[in-house]
Each structure stands twice: as structure tokens, then as C-alpha cells.
Amino acid sequence: MPTLTYPHVGATERGELPPGWRHVRHRVRLPDGCFAAAGSAVLGWRLHRAAGIRMDADADRAAPGVRVVSRLGVGPLRLPAPCQVVWAVDDGRRAGFGYGTLPGHPARGEEAFVVSRDATGHVFFEVVAFSRPDRWVMRVAGPAGRAFQRAYAWWLGRTLRRLCART
């Protein structure tokens, strides 16, 4: 069984991103009252699929140990990115998960997708990640790869806002 390709497992859950890695933090406010629907969309892969990402997971819901291969691109140009869920939460205040890279992923690191509700009832979605290039495609991408990571986080936030507006 392949092992994770980075040493800082669970860092996105703790919020202590390791120095020397690329960091992404993107937070967006969601419509009030959509916590349950947004949390379900994140934990059940619906968010990623609605954003146009093919998600092949070995479970219907994110949970520690679940393996998933996300695929970006079109047809034979889809780039596989194998990951394993390393933590998940669904406690009424936060719902989401973090997954880490497995061999074959173009990067090394961890990414988290979390819906939260604050004391006033406002709902937020946040993407937190740290990474380093691992395959030639990410090394060659350089600054464009970093821009893509930020744009991906923004796109997920926008997609989740749209999903919430439909509920």
C-alpha cells in the first residue's frame, strides 16, 4: 500500500503549516443557513465534482484512510492526483477533511477543505494547503503552478457558494 509522500501529516488540521513549503489559504463567506448543505457537499465529494474535477474515491464520504484520485483536465490529458484522507471532521461547527499526496501525485503535501460556522452563525469555506512540486509537470509550471493552486481554491469557493444558493 503506498504511503504519503510528505512528513507533516495533519498539519492542515492543526493550522501549523510547515516552513519552506508553498502555502495556500483561501477563505470565503457562504450564505447564512447553508452549513449542513455545504458540509455535506464537501464531505461527499459533490463540491469537487461540481467544480469539474473527476473524483474517484473508494468511499462515498471523506474519512481517514479513504483514498481518492482527482483528475484535472480533459479526456486523455486528465492529470491524476492520488491522495489519502488523513483527517475529517463533522461536529456541528466544522465539516470537512484534509488529504495528503500519494506517489504519482504531481506535488507533495496536504490540502484541507473545511466549512465552518462561527458564534454569530456566519458560514465560511476555507481551503488550506502546503505543497512542493514532486513531478516534472509541477516543477516546469513554476509560478504558473502556484497561481493555479490559488485559482483552484478560489474556484472551489465560488462553486460552493453556487451550490449553497441552490439549496
C-alpha atoms as a PDB file:
ATOM      1  CA  MET A   1       0.000   0.000   0.000  1.00  0.00           C
ATOM      2  CA  PRO A   2       1.528   3.369  -0.991  1.00  0.00           C
ATOM      3  CA  THR A   3       2.459   5.761   1.771  1.00  0.00           C
ATOM      4  CA  LEU A   4       2.039   9.506   1.977  1.00  0.00           C
ATOM      5  CA  THR A   5       4.800  11.484   0.263  1.00  0.00           C
ATOM      6  CA  TYR A   6       5.404  14.170   2.897  1.00  0.00           C
ATOM      7  CA  PRO A   7       6.308  14.236   6.602  1.00  0.00           C
ATOM      8  CA  HIS A   8       3.885  16.803   8.070  1.00  0.00           C
ATOM      9  CA  VAL A   9       0.728  14.677   8.197  1.00  0.00           C
ATOM     10  CA  GLY A  10      -2.212  16.521   9.773  1.00  0.00           C
ATOM     11  CA  ALA A  11      -0.633  19.972   9.664  1.00  0.00           C
ATOM     12  CA  THR A  12      -3.667  21.455   7.881  1.00  0.00           C
ATOM     13  CA  GLU A  13      -5.923  20.325  10.717  1.00  0.00           C
ATOM     14  CA  ARG A  14      -3.663  21.911  13.312  1.00  0.00           C
ATOM     15  CA  GLY A  15      -3.208  25.075  11.224  1.00  0.00           C
ATOM     16  CA  GLU A  16       0.571  24.845  11.604  1.00  0.00           C
ATOM     17  CA  LEU A  17       1.806  24.856   8.031  1.00  0.00           C
ATOM     18  CA  PRO A  18       5.460  23.832   7.723  1.00  0.00           C
ATOM     19  CA  PRO A  19       8.008  26.486   6.747  1.00  0.00           C
ATOM     20  CA  GLY A  20       9.737  26.137   3.396  1.00  0.00           C
ATOM     21  CA  TRP A  21       6.631  24.850   1.606  1.00  0.00           C
ATOM     22  CA  ARG A  22       4.186  26.739  -0.643  1.00  0.00           C
ATOM     23  CA  HIS A  23       1.177  27.814   1.408  1.00  0.00           C
ATOM     24  CA  VAL A  24      -2.350  28.489   0.212  1.00  0.00           C
ATOM     25  CA  ARG A  25      -5.084  29.930   2.420  1.00  0.00           C
ATOM     26  CA  HIS A  26      -8.341  30.991   0.854  1.00  0.00           C
ATOM     27  CA  ARG A  27     -11.475  31.781   2.858  1.00  0.00           C
ATOM     28  CA  VAL A  28     -14.883  32.815   1.554  1.00  0.00           C
ATOM     29  CA  ARG A  29     -18.140  33.570   3.309  1.00  0.00           C
ATOM     30  CA  LEU A  30     -21.081  31.409   2.330  1.00  0.00           C
ATOM     31  CA  PRO A  31     -24.775  32.247   2.601  1.00  0.00           C
ATOM     32  CA  ASP A  32     -26.102  32.029   6.147  1.00  0.00           C
ATOM     33  CA  GLY A  33     -28.007  28.851   6.891  1.00  0.00           C
ATOM     34  CA  CYS A  34     -26.117  26.652   4.437  1.00  0.00           C
ATOM     35  CA  PHE A  35     -23.742  24.952   6.878  1.00  0.00           C
ATOM     36  CA  ALA A  36     -25.320  21.495   6.626  1.00  0.00           C
ATOM     37  CA  ALA A  37     -25.631  21.536   2.834  1.00  0.00           C
ATOM     38  CA  ALA A  38     -22.117  22.922   2.364  1.00  0.00           C
ATOM     39  CA  GLY A  39     -20.595  20.433   4.780  1.00  0.00           C
ATOM     40  CA  SER A  40     -22.355  17.567   3.027  1.00  0.00           C
ATOM     41  CA  ALA A  41     -21.117  18.800  -0.373  1.00  0.00           C
ATOM     42  CA  VAL A  42     -17.528  18.912   0.865  1.00  0.00           C
ATOM     43  CA  LEU A  43     -17.531  15.594   2.711  1.00  0.00           C
ATOM     44  CA  GLY A  44     -19.409  13.760  -0.057  1.00  0.00           C
ATOM     45  CA  TRP A  45     -17.156  14.928  -2.963  1.00  0.00           C
ATOM     46  CA  ARG A  46     -20.050  16.900  -4.514  1.00  0.00           C
ATOM     47  CA  LEU A  47     -18.135  20.179  -4.298  1.00  0.00           C
ATOM     48  CA  HIS A  48     -15.174  18.867  -6.277  1.00  0.00           C
ATOM     49  CA  ARG A  49     -17.351  17.164  -8.857  1.00  0.00           C
ATOM     50  CA  ALA A  50     -19.476  20.311  -9.311  1.00  0.00           C
ATOM     51  CA  ALA A  51     -16.234  22.235  -9.864  1.00  0.00           C
ATOM     52  CA  GLY A  52     -15.423  19.947 -12.803  1.00  0.00           C
ATOM     53  CA  ILE A  53     -12.960  17.670 -11.021  1.00  0.00           C
ATOM     54  CA  ARG A  54     -13.309  13.959 -11.602  1.00  0.00           C
ATOM     55  CA  MET A  55     -13.138  12.280  -8.190  1.00  0.00           C
ATOM     56  CA  ASP A  56     -12.618   8.527  -7.986  1.00  0.00           C
ATOM     57  CA  ALA A  57     -12.895   7.655  -4.296  1.00  0.00           C
ATOM     58  CA  ASP A  58     -13.083   4.307  -2.548  1.00  0.00           C
ATOM     59  CA  ALA A  59     -15.881   5.630  -0.280  1.00  0.00           C
ATOM     60  CA  ASP A  60     -18.902   7.905  -0.710  1.00  0.00           C
ATOM     61  CA  ARG A  61     -17.743  10.199   2.091  1.00  0.00           C
ATOM     62  CA  ALA A  62     -14.375  11.544   3.205  1.00  0.00           C
ATOM     63  CA  ALA A  63     -12.985   9.742   6.260  1.00  0.00           C
ATOM     64  CA  PRO A  64      -9.458   8.955   7.446  1.00  0.00           C
ATOM     65  CA  GLY A  65      -7.880   6.317   5.240  1.00  0.00           C
ATOM     66  CA  VAL A  66     -10.155   6.882   2.230  1.00  0.00           C
ATOM     67  CA  ARG A  67      -8.165   7.003  -0.980  1.00  0.00           C
ATOM     68  CA  VAL A  68      -9.160   9.293  -3.815  1.00  0.00           C
ATOM     69  CA  VAL A  69      -7.750  10.121  -7.218  1.00  0.00           C
ATOM     70  CA  SER A  70      -8.746  13.522  -8.516  1.00  0.00           C
ATOM     71  CA  ARG A  71      -8.295  14.130 -12.217  1.00  0.00           C
ATOM     72  CA  LEU A  72      -7.919  17.561 -13.739  1.00  0.00           C
ATOM     73  CA  GLY A  73      -8.051  18.213 -17.456  1.00  0.00           C
ATOM     74  CA  VAL A  74      -9.923  16.790 -20.412  1.00  0.00           C
ATOM     75  CA  GLY A  75     -10.006  13.240 -21.790  1.00  0.00           C
ATOM     76  CA  PRO A  76      -6.587  11.624 -22.084  1.00  0.00           C
ATOM     77  CA  LEU A  77      -4.994  14.854 -20.839  1.00  0.00           C
ATOM     78  CA  ARG A  78      -6.505  14.406 -17.375  1.00  0.00           C
ATOM     79  CA  LEU A  79      -3.743  14.570 -14.797  1.00  0.00           C
ATOM     80  CA  PRO A  80      -4.245  12.016 -11.984  1.00  0.00           C
ATOM     81  CA  ALA A  81      -3.577  13.173  -8.428  1.00  0.00           C
ATOM     82  CA  PRO A  82      -3.790  10.290  -5.916  1.00  0.00           C
ATOM     83  CA  CYS A  83      -4.411  11.253  -2.280  1.00  0.00           C
ATOM     84  CA  GLN A  84      -5.490   9.768   1.018  1.00  0.00           C
ATOM     85  CA  VAL A  85      -7.760  11.440   3.547  1.00  0.00           C
ATOM     86  CA  VAL A  86      -5.700  11.972   6.709  1.00  0.00           C
ATOM     87  CA  TRP A  87      -8.332  13.664   8.863  1.00  0.00           C
ATOM     88  CA  ALA A  88     -12.031  14.531   8.739  1.00  0.00           C
ATOM     89  CA  VAL A  89     -14.367  16.484  10.983  1.00  0.00           C
ATOM     90  CA  ASP A  90     -18.149  16.865  11.195  1.00  0.00           C
ATOM     91  CA  ASP A  91     -19.035  18.229  14.604  1.00  0.00           C
ATOM     92  CA  GLY A  92     -21.764  20.808  14.003  1.00  0.00           C
ATOM     93  CA  ARG A  93     -19.277  23.679  13.966  1.00  0.00           C
ATOM     94  CA  ARG A  94     -16.850  22.384  11.325  1.00  0.00           C
ATOM     95  CA  ALA A  95     -17.267  19.928   8.462  1.00  0.00           C
ATOM     96  CA  GLY A  96     -14.506  18.953   6.102  1.00  0.00           C
ATOM     97  CA  PHE A  97     -11.341  16.978   5.584  1.00  0.00           C
ATOM     98  CA  GLY A  98      -7.691  17.109   4.720  1.00  0.00           C
ATOM     99  CA  TYR A  99      -5.952  14.786   2.343  1.00  0.00           C
ATOM    100  CA  GLY A 100      -2.326  14.126   1.621  1.00  0.00           C
ATOM    101  CA  THR A 101      -0.477  13.192  -1.512  1.00  0.00           C
ATOM    102  CA  LEU A 102       0.426   9.651  -2.514  1.00  0.00           C
ATOM    103  CA  PRO A 103       3.063   8.503  -5.037  1.00  0.00           C
ATOM    104  CA  GLY A 104       2.080   9.609  -8.551  1.00  0.00           C
ATOM    105  CA  HIS A 105       0.672  12.971  -7.456  1.00  0.00           C
ATOM    106  CA  PRO A 106       2.366  15.895  -9.237  1.00  0.00           C
ATOM    107  CA  ALA A 107       3.024  17.577  -5.870  1.00  0.00           C
ATOM    108  CA  ARG A 108       3.824  16.594  -2.288  1.00  0.00           C
ATOM    109  CA  GLY A 109       1.808  17.988   0.583  1.00  0.00           C
ATOM    110  CA  GLU A 110      -1.619  18.288   2.131  1.00  0.00           C
ATOM    111  CA  GLU A 111      -4.796  20.178   1.334  1.00  0.00           C
ATOM    112  CA  ALA A 112      -7.853  20.776   3.505  1.00  0.00           C
ATOM    113  CA  PHE A 113     -11.402  21.816   2.637  1.00  0.00           C
ATOM    114  CA  VAL A 114     -13.468  22.955   5.631  1.00  0.00           C
ATOM    115  CA  VAL A 115     -16.858  24.575   6.143  1.00  0.00           C
ATOM    116  CA  SER A 116     -17.195  26.336   9.492  1.00  0.00           C
ATOM    117  CA  ARG A 117     -19.850  28.218  11.404  1.00  0.00           C
ATOM    118  CA  ASP A 118     -18.882  30.983  13.828  1.00  0.00           C
ATOM    119  CA  ALA A 119     -20.648  32.051  17.033  1.00  0.00           C
ATOM    120  CA  THR A 120     -22.842  34.527  15.129  1.00  0.00           C
ATOM    121  CA  GLY A 121     -23.995  31.876  12.647  1.00  0.00           C
ATOM    122  CA  HIS A 122     -21.935  33.076   9.698  1.00  0.00           C
ATOM    123  CA  VAL A 123     -20.751  30.248   7.465  1.00  0.00           C
ATOM    124  CA  PHE A 124     -17.328  30.116   5.820  1.00  0.00           C
ATOM    125  CA  PHE A 125     -15.449  27.819   3.481  1.00  0.00           C
ATOM    126  CA  GLU A 126     -11.680  27.616   3.669  1.00  0.00           C
ATOM    127  CA  VAL A 127      -9.008  25.870   1.647  1.00  0.00           C
ATOM    128  CA  VAL A 128      -5.660  25.472   3.412  1.00  0.00           C
ATOM    129  CA  ALA A 129      -2.721  23.736   1.775  1.00  0.00           C
ATOM    130  CA  PHE A 130       1.027  23.311   1.758  1.00  0.00           C
ATOM    131  CA  SER A 131       2.918  21.726  -1.099  1.00  0.00           C
ATOM    132  CA  ARG A 132       6.087  21.284  -3.085  1.00  0.00           C
ATOM    133  CA  PRO A 133       6.472  20.108  -6.686  1.00  0.00           C
ATOM    134  CA  ASP A 134       7.110  16.368  -6.971  1.00  0.00           C
ATOM    135  CA  ARG A 135       6.821  15.619 -10.688  1.00  0.00           C
ATOM    136  CA  TRP A 136       8.262  17.390 -13.683  1.00  0.00           C
ATOM    137  CA  VAL A 137       4.903  18.931 -14.648  1.00  0.00           C
ATOM    138  CA  MET A 138       4.772  20.909 -11.383  1.00  0.00           C
ATOM    139  CA  ARG A 139       8.450  21.845 -11.456  1.00  0.00           C
ATOM    140  CA  VAL A 140       8.134  23.145 -15.015  1.00  0.00           C
ATOM    141  CA  ALA A 141       4.957  25.050 -14.123  1.00  0.00           C
ATOM    142  CA  GLY A 142       6.860  27.206 -11.584  1.00  0.00           C
ATOM    143  CA  PRO A 143       4.921  30.390 -10.762  1.00  0.00           C
ATOM    144  CA  ALA A 144       2.045  29.285 -13.003  1.00  0.00           C
ATOM    145  CA  GLY A 145       1.620  26.206 -10.811  1.00  0.00           C
ATOM    146  CA  ARG A 146       1.360  28.385  -7.708  1.00  0.00           C
ATOM    147  CA  ALA A 147      -1.157  30.638  -9.469  1.00  0.00           C
ATOM    148  CA  PHE A 148      -3.160  27.558 -10.449  1.00  0.00           C
ATOM    149  CA  GLN A 149      -3.309  26.410  -6.809  1.00  0.00           C
ATOM    150  CA  ARG A 150      -4.688  29.792  -5.733  1.00  0.00           C
ATOM    151  CA  ALA A 151      -7.162  29.857  -8.638  1.00  0.00           C
ATOM    152  CA  TYR A 152      -8.287  26.312  -7.785  1.00  0.00           C
ATOM    153  CA  ALA A 153      -9.044  27.349  -4.186  1.00  0.00           C
ATOM    154  CA  TRP A 154     -10.956  30.401  -5.447  1.00  0.00           C
ATOM    155  CA  TRP A 155     -12.904  28.245  -7.928  1.00  0.00           C
ATOM    156  CA  LEU A 156     -13.897  25.773  -5.212  1.00  0.00           C
ATOM    157  CA  GLY A 157     -15.155  28.648  -3.048  1.00  0.00           C
ATOM    158  CA  ARG A 158     -17.171  30.071  -5.908  1.00  0.00           C
ATOM    159  CA  THR A 159     -18.600  26.646  -6.745  1.00  0.00           C
ATOM    160  CA  LEU A 160     -19.640  26.015  -3.139  1.00  0.00           C
ATOM    161  CA  ARG A 161     -21.367  29.414  -2.980  1.00  0.00           C
ATOM    162  CA  ARG A 162     -23.361  28.419  -6.082  1.00  0.00           C
ATOM    163  CA  LEU A 163     -24.269  25.042  -4.592  1.00  0.00           C
ATOM    164  CA  CYS A 164     -25.448  26.769  -1.407  1.00  0.00           C
ATOM    165  CA  ALA A 165     -27.556  29.247  -3.363  1.00  0.00           C
ATOM    166  CA  ARG A 166     -29.441  26.325  -4.920  1.00  0.00           C
ATOM    167  CA  THR A 167     -30.426  24.806  -1.563  1.00  0.00           C
END
